[in-house]
Amino acid sequence: MELGIYSFVETRRDPKTGQPFALERTFADMLEQGETADRVGLELFGLGEHHRPDYAISAPPVALAAVAARTKRINLTSAVTVLSSDDPVRVYQQFSTLDLLSNGRAEIMVGRGSFIESYPLFGVSLDDYDALFAEKLDLLLKIRAQARVTWSGAHRPPLTGQGVFPRTRADLPITIAVGGTPQSAVRAGSLGLPMALAIIGGDPIRFAPFADLYMQSGARAGHAPETLKLSINGHGFIADTKQAAMDAFFPTYAEAMTRIGRERGWPPLTRAQFENGVGPEGHLFIGTPDDVIAKIKRLQAHFPLRRYVMQMHVGPVDQAALLRSIELFGTAVASKVRG
């Protein structure tokens, strides 16, 4: 059982003046979060790719390389790389470089993205949303397996034996991020790849059938159960008291979810909805270490869980409170849920 954190590194405004913080400060805070996660013994630190003004990370491997230089043991992953709008050759090169720089700590988490800005930005069509991902994942796996690839597809010029360098370990982890579509779970299992299941609403246990599909698909494809690695990713926050955790997380979470909701036709998030999510069967892992331990153990009872990865800030959470949350996750929580 591994524990980690991931971040979208939101751009932030000073609550007193309303003026944007300098991005240099935002990145400095991100580096401090990575250092803290490494110091307290967490296994994974992830950064998500976005191409919007409200998020600062458009190039995860560049930012992760900076984290690698300031950490010693924590694994470093995108969360996610939007593979559909990227070039698998460049994705492999960037992460193989990160892997070599970090002494074997890089991972790639690939997905289709929950935002669509990268598609027109890089000149790919949303009409090919599913085909793009399937084709580019196929190429990325072939590049990982061998330095010189002969390959052709509909959405990228062919490769005719060109070399892709630098090379790193043959088992560079590639995880498929899944938002709750059965086809994605089947694909991850059939390929024998790790699957990260994002749960950002409702009772997490209702997603258990997706884990079953993943394991069953892997077994049908001949993959041993112990080689299939399931992660659950979701929102959470930890403090010394439950009220402190809720008070730190709710304002920025509500603002961010309401802002994104306006783009997607959702109603504003209410305090009652938030508190329901914090409840024993809710998707928000917010409270004291004991509250979070109970929720993770509930997941362990219903899923073949190998990782739990927490997004601790949705919006500009106070840095001191965030570092305390990371510290409690790696100390008070970890010892009770590992093993």
C-alpha atoms as a PDB file:
ATOM      1  CA  MET A   1       0.000   0.000   0.000  1.00  0.00           C
ATOM      2  CA  GLU A   2       1.481   3.301  -1.142  1.00  0.00           C
ATOM      3  CA  LEU A   3       0.363   6.837  -0.343  1.00  0.00           C
ATOM      4  CA  GLY A   4       0.938   9.987  -2.331  1.00  0.00           C
ATOM      5  CA  ILE A   5      -0.287  13.453  -3.180  1.00  0.00           C
ATOM      6  CA  TYR A   6      -0.893  15.264  -6.440  1.00  0.00           C
ATOM      7  CA  SER A   7      -1.539  18.857  -7.374  1.00  0.00           C
ATOM      8  CA  PHE A   8      -2.778  20.954 -10.283  1.00  0.00           C
ATOM      9  CA  VAL A   9      -0.810  23.937  -8.879  1.00  0.00           C
ATOM     10  CA  GLU A  10      -3.526  26.531  -9.090  1.00  0.00           C
ATOM     11  CA  THR A  11      -2.590  30.117  -9.758  1.00  0.00           C
ATOM     12  CA  ARG A  12      -3.591  32.156  -6.734  1.00  0.00           C
ATOM     13  CA  ARG A  13      -4.631  35.586  -5.555  1.00  0.00           C
ATOM     14  CA  ASP A  14      -3.711  37.320  -2.332  1.00  0.00           C
ATOM     15  CA  PRO A  15      -6.892  37.156  -0.192  1.00  0.00           C
ATOM     16  CA  LYS A  16      -6.162  40.628   1.203  1.00  0.00           C
ATOM     17  CA  THR A  17      -5.441  42.527  -2.010  1.00  0.00           C
ATOM     18  CA  GLY A  18      -7.065  40.353  -4.669  1.00  0.00           C
ATOM     19  CA  GLN A  19      -3.888  40.609  -6.744  1.00  0.00           C
ATOM     20  CA  PRO A  20      -2.340  37.499  -8.291  1.00  0.00           C
ATOM     21  CA  PHE A  21       0.613  35.957  -6.516  1.00  0.00           C
ATOM     22  CA  ALA A  22       3.785  35.879  -8.569  1.00  0.00           C
ATOM     23  CA  LEU A  23       4.117  32.535 -10.310  1.00  0.00           C
ATOM     24  CA  GLU A  24       7.615  32.313  -8.879  1.00  0.00           C
ATOM     25  CA  ARG A  25       6.056  32.105  -5.408  1.00  0.00           C
ATOM     26  CA  THR A  26       3.503  29.538  -6.575  1.00  0.00           C
ATOM     27  CA  PHE A  27       6.279  27.321  -7.915  1.00  0.00           C
ATOM     28  CA  ALA A  28       8.347  27.807  -4.757  1.00  0.00           C
ATOM     29  CA  ASP A  29       5.395  26.614  -2.676  1.00  0.00           C
ATOM     30  CA  MET A  30       4.993  23.593  -4.974  1.00  0.00           C
ATOM     31  CA  LEU A  31       8.648  22.672  -4.464  1.00  0.00           C
ATOM     32  CA  GLU A  32       8.233  22.938  -0.697  1.00  0.00           C
ATOM     33  CA  GLN A  33       5.229  20.615  -0.880  1.00  0.00           C
ATOM     34  CA  GLY A  34       7.284  18.045  -2.780  1.00  0.00           C
ATOM     35  CA  GLU A  35      10.143  18.303  -0.305  1.00  0.00           C
ATOM     36  CA  THR A  36       7.749  17.826   2.620  1.00  0.00           C
ATOM     37  CA  ALA A  37       6.119  14.788   1.012  1.00  0.00           C
ATOM     38  CA  ASP A  38       9.544  13.246   0.497  1.00  0.00           C
ATOM     39  CA  ARG A  39      10.683  14.026   4.052  1.00  0.00           C
ATOM     40  CA  VAL A  40       7.652  12.398   5.701  1.00  0.00           C
ATOM     41  CA  GLY A  41       7.949   9.225   3.632  1.00  0.00           C
ATOM     42  CA  LEU A  42       5.150   9.440   1.071  1.00  0.00           C
ATOM     43  CA  GLU A  43       5.704   7.330  -2.036  1.00  0.00           C
ATOM     44  CA  LEU A  44       4.359   9.570  -4.819  1.00  0.00           C
ATOM     45  CA  PHE A  45       4.225  13.238  -5.834  1.00  0.00           C
ATOM     46  CA  GLY A  46       2.224  14.120  -8.940  1.00  0.00           C
ATOM     47  CA  LEU A  47       1.589  17.230 -11.034  1.00  0.00           C
ATOM     48  CA  GLY A  48      -1.278  17.620 -13.509  1.00  0.00           C
ATOM     49  CA  GLU A  49      -1.014  19.065 -17.008  1.00  0.00           C
ATOM     50  CA  HIS A  50      -3.351  21.940 -17.862  1.00  0.00           C
ATOM     51  CA  HIS A  51      -3.408  24.752 -20.402  1.00  0.00           C
ATOM     52  CA  ARG A  52      -5.624  27.274 -18.600  1.00  0.00           C
ATOM     53  CA  PRO A  53      -4.927  30.523 -16.725  1.00  0.00           C
ATOM     54  CA  ASP A  54      -6.102  29.030 -13.409  1.00  0.00           C
ATOM     55  CA  TYR A  55      -3.398  26.316 -13.372  1.00  0.00           C
ATOM     56  CA  ALA A  56       0.362  26.830 -13.506  1.00  0.00           C
ATOM     57  CA  ILE A  57       1.641  23.477 -14.819  1.00  0.00           C
ATOM     58  CA  SER A  58       1.595  22.977 -18.574  1.00  0.00           C
ATOM     59  CA  ALA A  59       4.828  20.942 -18.635  1.00  0.00           C
ATOM     60  CA  PRO A  60       4.811  18.409 -15.745  1.00  0.00           C
ATOM     61  CA  PRO A  61       8.194  16.758 -16.493  1.00  0.00           C
ATOM     62  CA  VAL A  62       9.964  20.126 -16.308  1.00  0.00           C
ATOM     63  CA  ALA A  63       8.448  20.931 -12.907  1.00  0.00           C
ATOM     64  CA  LEU A  64       9.011  17.370 -11.680  1.00  0.00           C
ATOM     65  CA  ALA A  65      12.684  17.620 -12.619  1.00  0.00           C
ATOM     66  CA  ALA A  66      12.952  20.585 -10.255  1.00  0.00           C
ATOM     67  CA  VAL A  67      11.296  18.508  -7.522  1.00  0.00           C
ATOM     68  CA  ALA A  68      13.692  15.626  -8.285  1.00  0.00           C
ATOM     69  CA  ALA A  69      16.681  17.860  -7.584  1.00  0.00           C
ATOM     70  CA  ARG A  70      15.339  18.641  -4.101  1.00  0.00           C
ATOM     71  CA  THR A  71      14.144  15.166  -3.061  1.00  0.00           C
ATOM     72  CA  LYS A  72      15.749  11.773  -2.493  1.00  0.00           C
ATOM     73  CA  ARG A  73      13.279   8.900  -2.621  1.00  0.00           C
ATOM     74  CA  ILE A  74       9.749   9.921  -3.601  1.00  0.00           C
ATOM     75  CA  ASN A  75       8.459   8.794  -7.011  1.00  0.00           C
ATOM     76  CA  LEU A  76       7.472  11.573  -9.416  1.00  0.00           C
ATOM     77  CA  THR A  77       4.549  11.355 -11.836  1.00  0.00           C
ATOM     78  CA  SER A  78       2.357  13.410 -14.094  1.00  0.00           C
ATOM     79  CA  ALA A  79      -1.260  13.435 -12.949  1.00  0.00           C
ATOM     80  CA  VAL A  80      -2.037  13.406 -15.782  1.00  0.00           C
ATOM     81  CA  THR A  81      -0.195  13.778 -19.088  1.00  0.00           C
ATOM     82  CA  VAL A  82      -2.854  14.526 -21.719  1.00  0.00           C
ATOM     83  CA  LEU A  83      -1.548  11.938 -24.141  1.00  0.00           C
ATOM     84  CA  SER A  84      -4.273  12.472 -26.745  1.00  0.00           C
ATOM     85  CA  SER A  85      -2.943  15.929 -27.633  1.00  0.00           C
ATOM     86  CA  ASP A  86       0.761  15.167 -27.169  1.00  0.00           C
ATOM     87  CA  ASP A  87       3.400  13.302 -29.158  1.00  0.00           C
ATOM     88  CA  PRO A  88       4.318   9.928 -27.609  1.00  0.00           C
ATOM     89  CA  VAL A  89       7.893  10.312 -28.823  1.00  0.00           C
ATOM     90  CA  ARG A  90       8.343  13.552 -26.872  1.00  0.00           C
ATOM     91  CA  VAL A  91       6.455  12.186 -23.856  1.00  0.00           C
ATOM     92  CA  TYR A  92       8.826   9.233 -23.669  1.00  0.00           C
ATOM     93  CA  GLN A  93      11.908  11.413 -24.139  1.00  0.00           C
ATOM     94  CA  GLN A  94      10.854  13.850 -21.427  1.00  0.00           C
ATOM     95  CA  PHE A  95      10.048  11.186 -18.866  1.00  0.00           C
ATOM     96  CA  SER A  96      13.037   8.987 -19.675  1.00  0.00           C
ATOM     97  CA  THR A  97      15.171  12.075 -19.065  1.00  0.00           C
ATOM     98  CA  LEU A  98      13.358  12.691 -15.767  1.00  0.00           C
ATOM     99  CA  ASP A  99      13.857   9.044 -14.826  1.00  0.00           C
ATOM    100  CA  LEU A 100      17.584   9.264 -15.435  1.00  0.00           C
ATOM    101  CA  LEU A 101      17.911  12.573 -13.589  1.00  0.00           C
ATOM    102  CA  SER A 102      15.994  11.224 -10.579  1.00  0.00           C
ATOM    103  CA  ASN A 103      17.791   7.871 -10.413  1.00  0.00           C
ATOM    104  CA  GLY A 104      14.756   5.832 -11.444  1.00  0.00           C
ATOM    105  CA  ARG A 105      11.881   7.705  -9.764  1.00  0.00           C
ATOM    106  CA  ALA A 106       9.808   8.826 -12.773  1.00  0.00           C
ATOM    107  CA  GLU A 107       6.350   7.588 -13.711  1.00  0.00           C
ATOM    108  CA  ILE A 108       3.888   8.606 -16.432  1.00  0.00           C
ATOM    109  CA  MET A 109       0.160   8.802 -15.737  1.00  0.00           C
ATOM    110  CA  VAL A 110      -1.656   9.186 -19.044  1.00  0.00           C
ATOM    111  CA  GLY A 111      -5.235  10.187 -19.755  1.00  0.00           C
ATOM    112  CA  ARG A 112      -7.490  12.040 -22.128  1.00  0.00           C
ATOM    113  CA  GLY A 113      -7.879  15.021 -19.823  1.00  0.00           C
ATOM    114  CA  SER A 114     -10.913  16.458 -18.063  1.00  0.00           C
ATOM    115  CA  PHE A 115     -10.385  19.823 -19.816  1.00  0.00           C
ATOM    116  CA  ILE A 116     -10.208  20.256 -23.579  1.00  0.00           C
ATOM    117  CA  GLU A 117      -7.976  23.334 -24.047  1.00  0.00           C
ATOM    118  CA  SER A 118      -4.992  21.265 -25.208  1.00  0.00           C
ATOM    119  CA  TYR A 119      -6.864  19.858 -28.220  1.00  0.00           C
ATOM    120  CA  PRO A 120      -7.246  23.074 -30.256  1.00  0.00           C
ATOM    121  CA  LEU A 121      -3.948  24.377 -28.850  1.00  0.00           C
ATOM    122  CA  PHE A 122      -2.028  21.506 -30.438  1.00  0.00           C
ATOM    123  CA  GLY A 123      -4.242  21.131 -33.496  1.00  0.00           C
ATOM    124  CA  VAL A 124      -6.028  17.865 -32.772  1.00  0.00           C
ATOM    125  CA  SER A 125      -9.741  17.271 -33.164  1.00  0.00           C
ATOM    126  CA  LEU A 126     -12.120  16.438 -30.348  1.00  0.00           C
ATOM    127  CA  ASP A 127     -13.975  14.321 -32.901  1.00  0.00           C
ATOM    128  CA  ASP A 128     -11.068  11.870 -32.530  1.00  0.00           C
ATOM    129  CA  TYR A 129     -11.157  11.933 -28.710  1.00  0.00           C
ATOM    130  CA  ASP A 130     -11.139   8.147 -28.209  1.00  0.00           C
ATOM    131  CA  ALA A 131      -9.087   7.151 -31.261  1.00  0.00           C
ATOM    132  CA  LEU A 132      -6.305   9.604 -30.415  1.00  0.00           C
ATOM    133  CA  PHE A 133      -5.742   8.131 -26.984  1.00  0.00           C
ATOM    134  CA  ALA A 134      -5.830   4.508 -28.103  1.00  0.00           C
ATOM    135  CA  GLU A 135      -3.400   5.088 -30.957  1.00  0.00           C
ATOM    136  CA  LYS A 136      -0.940   7.203 -29.004  1.00  0.00           C
ATOM    137  CA  LEU A 137      -0.948   4.841 -26.039  1.00  0.00           C
ATOM    138  CA  ASP A 138      -0.097   2.005 -28.411  1.00  0.00           C
ATOM    139  CA  LEU A 139       2.865   3.976 -29.752  1.00  0.00           C
ATOM    140  CA  LEU A 140       4.073   5.021 -26.293  1.00  0.00           C
ATOM    141  CA  LEU A 141       4.123   1.387 -25.154  1.00  0.00           C
ATOM    142  CA  LYS A 142       6.050   0.338 -28.255  1.00  0.00           C
ATOM    143  CA  ILE A 143       8.620   3.098 -27.687  1.00  0.00           C
ATOM    144  CA  ARG A 144       9.037   2.022 -24.063  1.00  0.00           C
ATOM    145  CA  ALA A 145       9.694  -1.548 -25.220  1.00  0.00           C
ATOM    146  CA  GLN A 146      12.283  -0.825 -27.914  1.00  0.00           C
ATOM    147  CA  ALA A 147      14.508   2.019 -29.028  1.00  0.00           C
ATOM    148  CA  ARG A 148      13.766   1.723 -32.752  1.00  0.00           C
ATOM    149  CA  VAL A 149      10.126   1.469 -33.735  1.00  0.00           C
ATOM    150  CA  THR A 150       8.355   0.784 -37.009  1.00  0.00           C
ATOM    151  CA  TRP A 151       4.799   2.017 -36.615  1.00  0.00           C
ATOM    152  CA  SER A 152       2.007   3.782 -38.500  1.00  0.00           C
ATOM    153  CA  GLY A 153      -1.309   5.286 -37.471  1.00  0.00           C
ATOM    154  CA  ALA A 154      -3.959   7.767 -38.491  1.00  0.00           C
ATOM    155  CA  HIS A 155      -3.023  10.676 -36.212  1.00  0.00           C
ATOM    156  CA  ARG A 156       0.772  10.905 -36.355  1.00  0.00           C
ATOM    157  CA  PRO A 157       3.412  10.526 -39.079  1.00  0.00           C
ATOM    158  CA  PRO A 158       4.792   6.967 -39.221  1.00  0.00           C
ATOM    159  CA  LEU A 159       8.028   5.786 -37.664  1.00  0.00           C
ATOM    160  CA  THR A 160      10.272   3.681 -39.865  1.00  0.00           C
ATOM    161  CA  GLY A 161      12.929   2.517 -37.458  1.00  0.00           C
ATOM    162  CA  GLN A 162      14.113   5.874 -36.129  1.00  0.00           C
ATOM    163  CA  GLY A 163      15.681   5.778 -32.684  1.00  0.00           C
ATOM    164  CA  VAL A 164      14.002   7.360 -29.645  1.00  0.00           C
ATOM    165  CA  PHE A 165      16.552   8.460 -27.030  1.00  0.00           C
ATOM    166  CA  PRO A 166      17.606   8.671 -24.238  1.00  0.00           C
ATOM    167  CA  ARG A 167      16.669   5.187 -23.082  1.00  0.00           C
ATOM    168  CA  THR A 168      15.845   4.326 -19.509  1.00  0.00           C
ATOM    169  CA  ARG A 169      14.574   1.222 -17.702  1.00  0.00           C
ATOM    170  CA  ALA A 170      12.243  -1.012 -19.686  1.00  0.00           C
ATOM    171  CA  ASP A 171       9.648  -1.016 -16.921  1.00  0.00           C
ATOM    172  CA  LEU A 172       9.226   2.776 -16.683  1.00  0.00           C
ATOM    173  CA  PRO A 173       5.750   2.853 -15.078  1.00  0.00           C
ATOM    174  CA  ILE A 174       2.895   3.972 -17.333  1.00  0.00           C
ATOM    175  CA  THR A 175      -0.458   4.279 -15.546  1.00  0.00           C
ATOM    176  CA  ILE A 176      -3.819   4.806 -17.235  1.00  0.00           C
ATOM    177  CA  ALA A 177      -5.974   7.407 -15.465  1.00  0.00           C
ATOM    178  CA  VAL A 178      -9.675   6.524 -15.535  1.00  0.00           C
ATOM    179  CA  GLY A 179     -12.605   8.761 -14.713  1.00  0.00           C
ATOM    180  CA  GLY A 180     -15.297   6.093 -14.584  1.00  0.00           C
ATOM    181  CA  THR A 181     -15.835   4.624 -18.058  1.00  0.00           C
ATOM    182  CA  PRO A 182     -15.968   0.817 -18.277  1.00  0.00           C
ATOM    183  CA  GLN A 183     -14.035   0.784 -21.566  1.00  0.00           C
ATOM    184  CA  SER A 184     -11.073   2.522 -19.907  1.00  0.00           C
ATOM    185  CA  ALA A 185     -10.989  -0.011 -17.072  1.00  0.00           C
ATOM    186  CA  VAL A 186     -11.083  -2.879 -19.570  1.00  0.00           C
ATOM    187  CA  ARG A 187      -8.261  -1.323 -21.606  1.00  0.00           C
ATOM    188  CA  ALA A 188      -6.008  -0.873 -18.559  1.00  0.00           C
ATOM    189  CA  GLY A 189      -6.583  -4.432 -17.408  1.00  0.00           C
ATOM    190  CA  SER A 190      -6.162  -5.970 -20.855  1.00  0.00           C
ATOM    191  CA  LEU A 191      -2.830  -4.188 -21.294  1.00  0.00           C
ATOM    192  CA  GLY A 192      -1.702  -5.137 -17.792  1.00  0.00           C
ATOM    193  CA  LEU A 193      -1.038  -1.488 -16.928  1.00  0.00           C
ATOM    194  CA  PRO A 194      -1.595   0.184 -13.547  1.00  0.00           C
ATOM    195  CA  MET A 195      -4.949   1.983 -13.312  1.00  0.00           C
ATOM    196  CA  ALA A 196      -5.640   5.199 -11.390  1.00  0.00           C
ATOM    197  CA  LEU A 197      -9.347   5.617 -10.682  1.00  0.00           C
ATOM    198  CA  ALA A 198     -10.338   9.234  -9.959  1.00  0.00           C
ATOM    199  CA  ILE A 199     -13.276   9.559  -7.547  1.00  0.00           C
ATOM    200  CA  ILE A 200     -14.442  13.145  -7.048  1.00  0.00           C
ATOM    201  CA  GLY A 201     -18.113  12.643  -6.188  1.00  0.00           C
ATOM    202  CA  GLY A 202     -20.525  10.247  -4.512  1.00  0.00           C
ATOM    203  CA  ASP A 203     -19.877   7.166  -2.413  1.00  0.00           C
ATOM    204  CA  PRO A 204     -16.529   5.716  -3.535  1.00  0.00           C
ATOM    205  CA  ILE A 205     -17.828   2.166  -3.133  1.00  0.00           C
ATOM    206  CA  ARG A 206     -20.120   2.621  -6.111  1.00  0.00           C
ATOM    207  CA  PHE A 207     -16.957   2.564  -8.251  1.00  0.00           C
ATOM    208  CA  ALA A 208     -16.044  -0.963  -7.130  1.00  0.00           C
ATOM    209  CA  PRO A 209     -17.445  -2.503 -10.356  1.00  0.00           C
ATOM    210  CA  PHE A 210     -14.793  -0.593 -12.335  1.00  0.00           C
ATOM    211  CA  ALA A 211     -12.081  -2.207 -10.227  1.00  0.00           C
ATOM    212  CA  ASP A 212     -13.712  -5.594 -10.822  1.00  0.00           C
ATOM    213  CA  LEU A 213     -13.713  -4.950 -14.577  1.00  0.00           C
ATOM    214  CA  TYR A 214     -10.045  -4.010 -14.403  1.00  0.00           C
ATOM    215  CA  MET A 215      -9.032  -7.158 -12.557  1.00  0.00           C
ATOM    216  CA  GLN A 216     -11.235  -9.449 -14.672  1.00  0.00           C
ATOM    217  CA  SER A 217      -9.929  -7.958 -17.930  1.00  0.00           C
ATOM    218  CA  GLY A 218      -6.374  -8.389 -16.738  1.00  0.00           C
ATOM    219  CA  ALA A 219      -6.990 -12.017 -15.822  1.00  0.00           C
ATOM    220  CA  ARG A 220      -8.579 -12.766 -19.213  1.00  0.00           C
ATOM    221  CA  ALA A 221      -5.514 -11.271 -20.908  1.00  0.00           C
ATOM    222  CA  GLY A 222      -3.235 -13.544 -18.887  1.00  0.00           C
ATOM    223  CA  HIS A 223      -1.888 -11.008 -16.381  1.00  0.00           C
ATOM    224  CA  ALA A 224      -1.295 -12.304 -12.856  1.00  0.00           C
ATOM    225  CA  PRO A 225      -3.406 -10.472 -10.220  1.00  0.00           C
ATOM    226  CA  GLU A 226      -0.336  -9.357  -8.291  1.00  0.00           C
ATOM    227  CA  THR A 227       0.928  -7.494 -11.368  1.00  0.00           C
ATOM    228  CA  LEU A 228      -2.235  -5.366 -11.628  1.00  0.00           C
ATOM    229  CA  LYS A 229      -1.893  -2.190  -9.595  1.00  0.00           C
ATOM    230  CA  LEU A 230      -5.002  -0.176  -8.687  1.00  0.00           C
ATOM    231  CA  SER A 231      -4.759   3.380  -7.361  1.00  0.00           C
ATOM    232  CA  ILE A 232      -7.620   5.576  -6.184  1.00  0.00           C
ATOM    233  CA  ASN A 233      -7.137   9.335  -6.533  1.00  0.00           C
ATOM    234  CA  GLY A 234      -9.368  11.863  -4.807  1.00  0.00           C
ATOM    235  CA  HIS A 235      -9.753  15.041  -2.778  1.00  0.00           C
ATOM    236  CA  GLY A 236      -8.756  15.236   0.860  1.00  0.00           C
ATOM    237  CA  PHE A 237      -7.238  17.332   3.600  1.00  0.00           C
ATOM    238  CA  ILE A 238      -5.958  16.563   7.097  1.00  0.00           C
ATOM    239  CA  ALA A 239      -5.644  18.741  10.198  1.00  0.00           C
ATOM    240  CA  ASP A 240      -5.407  18.289  13.929  1.00  0.00           C
ATOM    241  CA  THR A 241      -9.180  18.753  14.236  1.00  0.00           C
ATOM    242  CA  LYS A 242     -11.943  17.955  11.777  1.00  0.00           C
ATOM    243  CA  GLN A 243     -13.298  21.491  11.953  1.00  0.00           C
ATOM    244  CA  ALA A 244      -9.884  22.940  11.113  1.00  0.00           C
ATOM    245  CA  ALA A 245      -9.597  20.635   8.087  1.00  0.00           C
ATOM    246  CA  MET A 246     -13.067  21.574   6.837  1.00  0.00           C
ATOM    247  CA  ASP A 247     -12.509  25.284   7.381  1.00  0.00           C
ATOM    248  CA  ALA A 248      -9.193  25.191   5.521  1.00  0.00           C
ATOM    249  CA  PHE A 249     -10.502  23.211   2.543  1.00  0.00           C
ATOM    250  CA  PHE A 250     -14.084  24.360   1.939  1.00  0.00           C
ATOM    251  CA  PRO A 251     -13.734  28.014   0.813  1.00  0.00           C
ATOM    252  CA  THR A 252     -11.282  27.402  -2.010  1.00  0.00           C
ATOM    253  CA  TYR A 253     -12.847  24.046  -2.941  1.00  0.00           C
ATOM    254  CA  ALA A 254     -16.300  25.616  -3.230  1.00  0.00           C
ATOM    255  CA  GLU A 255     -14.974  28.523  -5.294  1.00  0.00           C
ATOM    256  CA  ALA A 256     -13.079  26.242  -7.689  1.00  0.00           C
ATOM    257  CA  MET A 257     -15.876  23.702  -8.138  1.00  0.00           C
ATOM    258  CA  THR A 258     -18.435  26.472  -8.650  1.00  0.00           C
ATOM    259  CA  ARG A 259     -16.200  28.224 -11.189  1.00  0.00           C
ATOM    260  CA  ILE A 260     -15.619  25.026 -13.156  1.00  0.00           C
ATOM    261  CA  GLY A 261     -19.291  24.177 -12.753  1.00  0.00           C
ATOM    262  CA  ARG A 262     -20.306  27.376 -14.539  1.00  0.00           C
ATOM    263  CA  GLU A 263     -18.373  26.140 -17.588  1.00  0.00           C
ATOM    264  CA  ARG A 264     -20.123  22.773 -17.488  1.00  0.00           C
ATOM    265  CA  GLY A 265     -23.630  23.713 -16.458  1.00  0.00           C
ATOM    266  CA  TRP A 266     -23.420  22.557 -12.835  1.00  0.00           C
ATOM    267  CA  PRO A 267     -25.132  24.441  -9.992  1.00  0.00           C
ATOM    268  CA  PRO A 268     -22.964  26.144  -7.344  1.00  0.00           C
ATOM    269  CA  LEU A 269     -21.533  23.856  -4.666  1.00  0.00           C
ATOM    270  CA  THR A 270     -23.295  24.271  -1.319  1.00  0.00           C
ATOM    271  CA  ARG A 271     -22.008  23.782   2.213  1.00  0.00           C
ATOM    272  CA  ALA A 272     -24.542  20.971   2.683  1.00  0.00           C
ATOM    273  CA  GLN A 273     -23.156  19.101  -0.336  1.00  0.00           C
ATOM    274  CA  PHE A 274     -19.644  19.576   1.000  1.00  0.00           C
ATOM    275  CA  GLU A 275     -20.537  18.231   4.437  1.00  0.00           C
ATOM    276  CA  ASN A 276     -22.256  15.241   2.848  1.00  0.00           C
ATOM    277  CA  GLY A 277     -19.038  14.522   0.959  1.00  0.00           C
ATOM    278  CA  VAL A 278     -17.066  14.722   4.213  1.00  0.00           C
ATOM    279  CA  GLY A 279     -19.413  12.176   5.845  1.00  0.00           C
ATOM    280  CA  PRO A 280     -18.492   8.515   6.424  1.00  0.00           C
ATOM    281  CA  GLU A 281     -19.661   7.419   2.957  1.00  0.00           C
ATOM    282  CA  GLY A 282     -18.604  10.547   1.086  1.00  0.00           C
ATOM    283  CA  HIS A 283     -15.814  11.098  -1.423  1.00  0.00           C
ATOM    284  CA  LEU A 284     -13.980  13.818   0.523  1.00  0.00           C
ATOM    285  CA  PHE A 285     -11.254  12.418   2.785  1.00  0.00           C
ATOM    286  CA  ILE A 286     -11.238  15.430   5.103  1.00  0.00           C
ATOM    287  CA  GLY A 287     -10.707  15.530   8.840  1.00  0.00           C
ATOM    288  CA  THR A 288      -8.297  14.262  11.453  1.00  0.00           C
ATOM    289  CA  PRO A 289      -5.847  11.450  10.740  1.00  0.00           C
ATOM    290  CA  ASP A 290      -8.325   9.008  12.316  1.00  0.00           C
ATOM    291  CA  ASP A 291     -11.106  10.218   9.990  1.00  0.00           C
ATOM    292  CA  VAL A 292      -8.921   9.677   6.922  1.00  0.00           C
ATOM    293  CA  ILE A 293      -7.628   6.312   8.176  1.00  0.00           C
ATOM    294  CA  ALA A 294     -11.209   5.063   8.525  1.00  0.00           C
ATOM    295  CA  LYS A 295     -12.040   6.096   4.963  1.00  0.00           C
ATOM    296  CA  ILE A 296      -8.928   4.517   3.475  1.00  0.00           C
ATOM    297  CA  LYS A 297      -9.612   1.286   5.364  1.00  0.00           C
ATOM    298  CA  ARG A 298     -13.132   1.327   3.933  1.00  0.00           C
ATOM    299  CA  LEU A 299     -11.587   1.493   0.456  1.00  0.00           C
ATOM    300  CA  GLN A 300      -9.253  -1.373   1.321  1.00  0.00           C
ATOM    301  CA  ALA A 301     -12.258  -3.503   2.246  1.00  0.00           C
ATOM    302  CA  HIS A 302     -13.910  -3.027  -1.164  1.00  0.00           C
ATOM    303  CA  PHE A 303     -11.035  -2.572  -3.637  1.00  0.00           C
ATOM    304  CA  PRO A 304      -7.785  -4.437  -4.397  1.00  0.00           C
ATOM    305  CA  LEU A 305      -6.087  -1.179  -3.495  1.00  0.00           C
ATOM    306  CA  ARG A 306      -2.349  -0.692  -3.967  1.00  0.00           C
ATOM    307  CA  ARG A 307      -2.231   3.118  -3.801  1.00  0.00           C
ATOM    308  CA  TYR A 308      -4.240   6.024  -2.475  1.00  0.00           C
ATOM    309  CA  VAL A 309      -3.270   9.454  -3.833  1.00  0.00           C
ATOM    310  CA  MET A 310      -4.779  12.636  -2.391  1.00  0.00           C
ATOM    311  CA  GLN A 311      -5.277  16.041  -4.012  1.00  0.00           C
ATOM    312  CA  MET A 312      -5.010  18.318  -0.996  1.00  0.00           C
ATOM    313  CA  HIS A 313      -5.817  21.645  -2.539  1.00  0.00           C
ATOM    314  CA  VAL A 314      -8.495  22.578  -4.991  1.00  0.00           C
ATOM    315  CA  GLY A 315      -7.870  26.289  -5.078  1.00  0.00           C
ATOM    316  CA  PRO A 316      -5.335  28.277  -3.041  1.00  0.00           C
ATOM    317  CA  VAL A 317      -5.244  26.527   0.343  1.00  0.00           C
ATOM    318  CA  ASP A 318      -3.022  28.203   2.948  1.00  0.00           C
ATOM    319  CA  GLN A 319       0.537  26.897   2.522  1.00  0.00           C
ATOM    320  CA  ALA A 320       1.208  26.322   6.228  1.00  0.00           C
ATOM    321  CA  ALA A 321      -2.016  24.338   6.631  1.00  0.00           C
ATOM    322  CA  LEU A 322      -1.211  22.368   3.475  1.00  0.00           C
ATOM    323  CA  LEU A 323       2.262  21.427   4.707  1.00  0.00           C
ATOM    324  CA  ARG A 324       0.742  20.292   8.009  1.00  0.00           C
ATOM    325  CA  SER A 325      -1.745  18.155   6.081  1.00  0.00           C
ATOM    326  CA  ILE A 326       1.087  16.520   4.114  1.00  0.00           C
ATOM    327  CA  GLU A 327       3.008  15.908   7.334  1.00  0.00           C
ATOM    328  CA  LEU A 328       0.046  14.225   9.030  1.00  0.00           C
ATOM    329  CA  PHE A 329      -0.621  12.094   5.940  1.00  0.00           C
ATOM    330  CA  GLY A 330       2.934  10.783   5.892  1.00  0.00           C
ATOM    331  CA  THR A 331       3.199  10.173   9.627  1.00  0.00           C
ATOM    332  CA  ALA A 332      -0.080   9.683  11.486  1.00  0.00           C
ATOM    333  CA  VAL A 333      -2.044   8.170   8.584  1.00  0.00           C
ATOM    334  CA  ALA A 334       0.585   6.138   6.762  1.00  0.00           C
ATOM    335  CA  SER A 335       1.572   3.918   9.675  1.00  0.00           C
ATOM    336  CA  LYS A 336      -2.046   2.774  10.136  1.00  0.00           C
ATOM    337  CA  VAL A 337      -2.930   1.925   6.527  1.00  0.00           C
ATOM    338  CA  ARG A 338       0.252   0.384   5.132  1.00  0.00           C
ATOM    339  CA  GLY A 339       0.933  -3.326   5.332  1.00  0.00           C
END
